[in-house]
């Protein structure tokens, strides 16, 4: 298979199969035309034709007509129109299939990896957040080099029992895109606000944070405000702080910052001790890809959309339906 040299190189067999699967999903599952897929992936239409043929030849595609595909395409179209988004990607479950959250997240990550490749253009500066969802996307992303891309870490170094250190997301995505990576050389959470302010003013860290104000694309998820949220699990906030935030109207967490139902930041701990991108940095990016799993994140996802933090959305079917019910 001949690929456009500017965007697709260095693929192993597994990466190639993943890419073929993603193209097949867009064509057979989402109902996009070959020309639309070619435009998204920045390759020729002939390349897409060859990839679809190969996906059938190697058994990746088993062609059946199912109503869920048409419904899924309508879901994406309706969400785009309702919230005036540039694009929407939906991870579908089989009709009547009840997936665990882990399985749904895995399925979503595969679709999100397609979304990430679609929206990344040569020369882009990409900001990458942290968490279970973004780590799953990093794992699912095939090798797909894009020219002159740089990938920046949005949240300082943190680790939890659930997810490897935050810089792992940045480094892994950069590696798969063939990009330069820029990590934040500071902890994500500092012991006190005064020290955090001093660290932000340090020339090296300041230059890294300044870079986050000129991003072309951000890739992130939004956390909920239940007591099992990753912010608490990673030791970045206490249960008491979380409860205070929810009492003040918090419905979601973006880059370790609480937001209310309109996507407005709530200035409560641990905000002053965090080393991470500002919400204004995220809003200023031309392309803002939110990847979120589960209908229990409905209020959080709506907050991000209302707050101007989303241009491209990747969700599972259940959350897509919940967002349309609003």
Protein backbone atom coordinates (compact mmCIF):
# COMPACT_ATOMS: atom_id res chain seq x y z
CA UNK A 1 0.00 0.00 0.00
CA UNK A 2 1.37 3.37 -1.02
CA UNK A 3 0.88 6.11 1.56
CA UNK A 4 1.28 9.88 1.25
CA UNK A 5 4.86 10.44 2.39
CA UNK A 6 4.17 13.72 4.17
CA UNK A 7 1.96 12.23 6.83
CA UNK A 8 2.19 8.44 7.05
CA UNK A 9 5.47 6.61 7.66
CA UNK A 10 7.16 4.07 9.93
CA UNK A 11 4.25 1.70 10.55
CA UNK A 12 4.52 -1.76 12.06
CA UNK A 13 1.97 -4.44 11.17
CA UNK A 14 -0.09 -3.72 14.26
CA UNK A 15 -0.09 0.01 13.60
CA UNK A 16 -1.12 -0.58 10.00
CA UNK A 17 -4.07 -2.74 11.07
CA UNK A 18 -5.14 -0.11 13.59
CA UNK A 19 -5.09 2.57 10.89
CA UNK A 20 -7.06 0.37 8.47
CA UNK A 21 -9.62 -0.27 11.22
CA UNK A 22 -9.97 3.44 11.89
CA UNK A 23 -10.51 4.24 8.21
CA UNK A 24 -13.08 1.43 7.95
CA UNK A 25 -14.88 2.80 11.02
CA UNK A 26 -15.15 6.26 9.46
CA UNK A 27 -16.44 4.88 6.14
CA UNK A 28 -18.72 2.04 7.20
CA UNK A 29 -19.56 3.15 10.74
CA UNK A 30 -19.76 6.94 10.53
CA UNK A 31 -20.91 7.18 6.92
CA UNK A 32 -18.21 9.60 5.76
CA UNK A 33 -17.38 9.61 2.06
CA UNK A 34 -13.99 8.56 0.78
CA UNK A 35 -13.29 12.18 -0.09
CA UNK A 36 -14.21 13.36 3.41
CA UNK A 37 -11.94 10.77 4.99
CA UNK A 38 -9.10 11.71 2.65
CA UNK A 39 -9.52 15.36 3.62
CA UNK A 40 -9.49 14.51 7.32
CA UNK A 41 -6.41 12.34 7.07
CA UNK A 42 -4.65 14.64 4.59
CA UNK A 43 -4.09 11.91 2.00
CA UNK A 44 -5.39 11.31 -1.51
CA UNK A 45 -8.77 9.75 -2.17
CA UNK A 46 -6.98 6.94 -4.02
CA UNK A 47 -5.12 6.11 -0.79
CA UNK A 48 -8.42 5.78 1.08
CA UNK A 49 -9.85 3.56 -1.67
CA UNK A 50 -6.81 1.28 -1.40
CA UNK A 51 -7.02 1.19 2.41
CA UNK A 52 -10.71 0.24 2.36
CA UNK A 53 -10.02 -2.49 -0.17
CA UNK A 54 -7.18 -3.83 1.94
CA UNK A 55 -9.29 -3.74 5.11
CA UNK A 56 -11.78 -6.05 3.36
CA UNK A 57 -9.08 -8.29 1.93
CA UNK A 58 -7.41 -8.93 5.30
CA UNK A 59 -10.70 -9.51 7.13
CA UNK A 60 -10.81 -6.33 9.19
CA UNK A 61 -14.17 -5.46 7.64
CA UNK A 62 -17.17 -7.78 7.64
CA UNK A 63 -19.79 -5.85 5.73
CA UNK A 64 -23.24 -5.94 7.32
CA UNK A 65 -25.92 -3.28 7.24
CA UNK A 66 -27.04 -2.36 10.75
CA UNK A 67 -29.28 0.44 11.91
CA UNK A 68 -26.82 1.49 14.62
CA UNK A 69 -24.43 2.80 11.97
CA UNK A 70 -27.06 5.10 10.51
CA UNK A 71 -28.14 6.15 14.00
CA UNK A 72 -24.55 6.83 14.95
CA UNK A 73 -24.01 9.04 11.95
CA UNK A 74 -27.18 10.98 12.81
CA UNK A 75 -26.02 11.34 16.42
CA UNK A 76 -22.76 12.93 15.32
CA UNK A 77 -24.50 15.22 12.86
CA UNK A 78 -27.11 16.30 15.43
CA UNK A 79 -24.43 17.03 18.05
CA UNK A 80 -22.41 19.07 15.57
CA UNK A 81 -25.44 21.16 14.68
CA UNK A 82 -26.79 21.54 18.22
CA UNK A 83 -23.53 22.73 19.75
CA UNK A 84 -22.00 24.27 16.60
CA UNK A 85 -18.92 22.06 16.76
CA UNK A 86 -16.43 21.54 13.96
CA UNK A 87 -16.62 17.75 14.22
CA UNK A 88 -17.94 14.96 16.43
CA UNK A 89 -16.65 11.38 16.74
CA UNK A 90 -18.73 8.67 18.41
CA UNK A 91 -17.62 5.27 19.69
CA UNK A 92 -20.48 2.83 19.08
CA UNK A 93 -21.54 -0.27 20.99
CA UNK A 94 -23.29 -3.17 19.29
CA UNK A 95 -27.07 -3.07 19.57
CA UNK A 96 -28.07 -4.38 22.98
CA UNK A 97 -24.44 -4.67 24.06
CA UNK A 98 -23.71 -3.63 27.66
CA UNK A 99 -20.04 -2.78 27.92
CA UNK A 100 -18.10 -2.17 31.12
CA UNK A 101 -16.58 1.27 31.57
CA UNK A 102 -13.13 -0.19 30.84
CA UNK A 103 -14.35 -1.71 27.56
CA UNK A 104 -16.17 1.47 26.59
CA UNK A 105 -13.06 3.52 27.32
CA UNK A 106 -10.94 1.18 25.19
CA UNK A 107 -13.39 1.52 22.31
CA UNK A 108 -13.52 5.29 22.76
CA UNK A 109 -9.71 5.50 22.80
CA UNK A 110 -9.51 3.79 19.40
CA UNK A 111 -11.98 6.26 17.91
CA UNK A 112 -10.24 9.17 19.63
CA UNK A 113 -6.92 8.13 18.12
CA UNK A 114 -8.53 8.59 14.70
CA UNK A 115 -9.85 11.98 15.80
CA UNK A 116 -6.40 13.05 16.98
CA UNK A 117 -4.83 12.09 13.66
CA UNK A 118 -7.61 13.85 11.78
CA UNK A 119 -7.21 17.19 13.52
CA UNK A 120 -3.42 17.27 13.76
CA UNK A 121 -1.87 19.22 10.88
CA UNK A 122 1.79 19.62 9.87
CA UNK A 123 3.41 22.35 11.95
CA UNK A 124 0.89 22.16 14.79
CA UNK A 125 1.78 22.78 18.42
CA UNK A 126 -0.27 20.24 20.40
CA UNK A 127 -1.05 20.40 24.12
CA UNK A 128 -1.69 17.08 25.85
CA UNK A 129 -3.37 16.66 29.23
CA UNK A 130 -3.26 13.70 31.62
CA UNK A 131 -5.52 11.00 33.02
CA UNK A 132 -6.95 7.57 32.27
CA UNK A 133 -8.71 8.68 29.10
CA UNK A 134 -5.71 10.46 27.56
CA UNK A 135 -3.37 7.60 28.51
CA UNK A 136 -5.75 5.17 26.78
CA UNK A 137 -5.67 7.34 23.65
CA UNK A 138 -1.86 7.45 23.75
CA UNK A 139 -1.80 3.65 23.93
CA UNK A 140 -4.29 3.26 21.06
CA UNK A 141 -2.62 5.78 18.74
CA UNK A 142 -0.81 4.14 15.81
CA UNK A 143 2.56 5.35 14.57
CA UNK A 144 1.66 8.13 12.16
CA UNK A 145 4.33 10.76 11.69
CA UNK A 146 3.16 14.30 10.93
CA UNK A 147 5.73 16.86 9.80
CA UNK A 148 7.04 19.57 12.13
CA UNK A 149 4.69 18.91 15.05
CA UNK A 150 5.55 19.62 18.66
CA UNK A 151 3.70 18.14 21.64
CA UNK A 152 3.55 20.00 24.96
CA UNK A 153 2.66 18.76 28.44
CA UNK A 154 -0.31 20.66 29.89
CA UNK A 155 0.01 19.50 33.51
CA UNK A 156 3.18 19.23 35.58
CA UNK A 157 4.56 15.86 36.60
CA UNK A 158 2.19 13.72 38.65
CA UNK A 159 1.61 10.01 39.12
CA UNK A 160 -1.18 7.92 40.60
CA UNK A 161 -2.00 4.27 41.09
CA UNK A 162 -4.30 4.46 38.05
CA UNK A 163 -2.09 6.14 35.45
CA UNK A 164 1.65 6.55 34.77
CA UNK A 165 3.29 9.95 35.22
CA UNK A 166 1.66 12.80 33.33
CA UNK A 167 4.68 13.31 31.07
CA UNK A 168 4.17 9.75 29.74
CA UNK A 169 1.07 10.89 27.81
CA UNK A 170 3.02 13.70 26.16
CA UNK A 171 6.09 11.62 25.37
CA UNK A 172 4.12 8.68 23.98
CA UNK A 173 1.89 10.79 21.75
CA UNK A 174 4.88 12.79 20.54
CA UNK A 175 6.74 9.58 19.71
CA UNK A 176 3.84 8.20 17.69
CA UNK A 177 3.41 11.45 15.79
CA UNK A 178 7.15 11.70 15.17
CA UNK A 179 7.04 15.02 17.01
CA UNK A 180 9.27 16.96 19.39
CA UNK A 181 8.07 16.76 22.97
CA UNK A 182 8.18 19.57 25.52
CA UNK A 183 7.59 18.41 29.08
CA UNK A 184 6.91 20.59 32.12
CA UNK A 185 9.94 20.44 34.41
CA UNK A 186 7.94 20.85 37.60
CA UNK A 187 5.54 18.88 39.80
CA UNK A 188 1.87 19.25 38.98
CA UNK A 189 1.11 20.15 42.58
CA UNK A 190 3.28 22.24 44.93
CA UNK A 191 3.09 22.14 48.73
CA UNK A 192 2.09 25.79 49.11
CA UNK A 193 0.87 28.67 46.95
CA UNK A 194 3.90 30.90 47.53
CA UNK A 195 6.35 28.26 46.34
CA UNK A 196 4.13 27.50 43.35
CA UNK A 197 4.17 31.18 42.34
CA UNK A 198 7.94 31.29 42.63
CA UNK A 199 8.31 28.18 40.48
CA UNK A 200 6.03 29.60 37.79
CA UNK A 201 8.32 32.65 37.67
CA UNK A 202 11.47 30.57 37.22
CA UNK A 203 12.77 31.28 33.67
CA UNK A 204 12.81 27.64 32.53
CA UNK A 205 9.34 26.84 33.81
CA UNK A 206 7.95 30.21 32.72
CA UNK A 207 9.13 29.61 29.16
CA UNK A 208 7.45 26.21 29.18
CA UNK A 209 4.19 27.66 30.50
CA UNK A 210 4.37 30.54 28.00
CA UNK A 211 4.53 27.96 25.21
CA UNK A 212 1.09 26.74 26.31
CA UNK A 213 -0.47 30.09 25.45
CA UNK A 214 0.22 29.60 21.72
CA UNK A 215 -1.11 26.10 21.01
CA UNK A 216 -2.85 25.08 17.80
CA UNK A 217 -4.53 22.00 19.28
CA UNK A 218 -5.36 20.74 22.77
CA UNK A 219 -6.19 17.12 23.57
CA UNK A 220 -7.82 16.60 26.93
CA UNK A 221 -10.62 15.06 28.95
CA UNK A 222 -12.79 16.43 31.73
CA UNK A 223 -13.16 14.81 35.11
CA UNK A 224 -16.27 14.53 37.21
CA UNK A 225 -16.57 15.78 40.78
CA UNK A 226 -17.37 12.51 42.52
CA UNK A 227 -15.09 11.45 45.37
CA UNK A 228 -13.41 8.85 43.15
CA UNK A 229 -12.26 11.50 40.67
CA UNK A 230 -8.67 11.27 39.50
CA UNK A 231 -7.83 14.61 41.12
CA UNK A 232 -8.43 13.04 44.54
CA UNK A 233 -6.96 9.65 43.60
CA UNK A 234 -3.72 11.33 42.51
CA UNK A 235 -3.48 13.21 45.81
CA UNK A 236 -3.93 16.61 44.18
CA UNK A 237 -7.07 17.47 46.13
CA UNK A 238 -8.63 16.27 49.37
CA UNK A 239 -12.21 15.01 49.65
CA UNK A 240 -12.98 18.07 51.76
CA UNK A 241 -11.66 20.40 49.04
CA UNK A 242 -13.69 18.54 46.42
CA UNK A 243 -16.88 18.84 48.47
CA UNK A 244 -16.26 22.57 48.94
CA UNK A 245 -15.89 22.94 45.18
CA UNK A 246 -19.11 21.06 44.42
CA UNK A 247 -20.93 23.20 46.99
CA UNK A 248 -19.63 26.24 45.10
CA UNK A 249 -21.09 24.87 41.85
CA UNK A 250 -18.29 22.79 40.34
CA UNK A 251 -19.47 20.15 37.83
CA UNK A 252 -16.17 19.23 36.18
CA UNK A 253 -12.38 19.35 36.37
CA UNK A 254 -10.17 20.51 33.48
CA UNK A 255 -6.39 20.44 33.89
CA UNK A 256 -6.80 20.27 37.69
CA UNK A 257 -9.11 23.31 37.68
CA UNK A 258 -12.78 23.24 38.76
CA UNK A 259 -15.39 24.60 36.36
CA UNK A 260 -19.05 25.41 36.90
CA UNK A 261 -21.93 24.47 34.57
CA UNK A 262 -21.03 27.36 32.24
CA UNK A 263 -17.38 26.34 32.03
CA UNK A 264 -16.23 29.22 34.23
CA UNK A 265 -13.32 28.44 36.54
CA UNK A 266 -13.95 28.31 40.29
CA UNK A 267 -10.99 29.68 42.23
CA UNK A 268 -10.71 27.15 45.04
CA UNK A 269 -7.89 24.88 46.30
CA UNK A 270 -5.75 23.40 44.96
CA UNK A 271 -5.83 26.00 42.16
CA UNK A 272 -3.08 28.25 43.57
CA UNK A 273 -0.73 25.29 44.05
CA UNK A 274 -1.12 23.78 40.58
CA UNK A 275 1.48 23.99 37.78
CA UNK A 276 -0.58 23.57 34.62
CA UNK A 277 -2.03 25.35 31.62
CA UNK A 278 -4.59 28.07 32.32
CA UNK A 279 -8.10 27.69 30.95
CA UNK A 280 -7.44 30.81 28.86
CA UNK A 281 -4.56 28.90 27.22
CA UNK A 282 -6.95 26.10 26.29
CA UNK A 283 -9.61 28.45 24.92
CA UNK A 284 -7.07 30.25 22.73
CA UNK A 285 -6.18 27.06 20.84
CA UNK A 286 -7.81 26.94 17.40
CA UNK A 287 -8.63 23.23 17.75
CA UNK A 288 -9.90 21.89 21.08
CA UNK A 289 -10.46 18.12 21.16
CA UNK A 290 -12.42 16.91 24.19
CA UNK A 291 -12.44 13.14 24.71
CA UNK A 292 -14.84 11.95 27.39
CA UNK A 293 -16.44 8.63 28.35
CA UNK A 294 -19.71 7.86 30.10
CA UNK A 295 -23.09 9.53 30.41
CA UNK A 296 -22.25 10.40 34.03
CA UNK A 297 -19.90 13.01 32.52
CA UNK A 298 -22.81 14.77 30.80
CA UNK A 299 -22.80 17.87 33.02
CA UNK A 300 -19.00 18.10 32.85
CA UNK A 301 -18.97 17.78 29.05
CA UNK A 302 -21.71 20.40 28.72
CA UNK A 303 -19.70 22.76 30.91
CA UNK A 304 -16.68 22.40 28.64
CA UNK A 305 -18.80 23.04 25.54
CA UNK A 306 -20.55 26.05 27.05
CA UNK A 307 -17.23 27.41 28.27
CA UNK A 308 -15.73 27.56 24.77
CA UNK A 309 -13.34 24.69 25.47
CA UNK A 310 -14.51 22.38 22.66
CA UNK A 311 -14.32 22.54 18.87
CA UNK A 312 -14.03 18.77 18.31
CA UNK A 313 -15.79 16.20 20.49
CA UNK A 314 -15.20 12.47 20.91
CA UNK A 315 -17.71 10.57 23.09
CA UNK A 316 -19.38 7.18 23.45
CA UNK A 317 -22.95 6.56 22.28
CA UNK A 318 -24.51 6.82 25.74
CA UNK A 319 -22.96 10.22 26.42
CA UNK A 320 -23.81 11.44 22.92
CA UNK A 321 -27.47 10.61 23.51
CA UNK A 322 -27.40 12.29 26.94
CA UNK A 323 -25.94 15.46 25.44
CA UNK A 324 -28.72 15.59 22.85
CA UNK A 325 -31.34 15.25 25.60
CA UNK A 326 -30.20 18.49 27.24
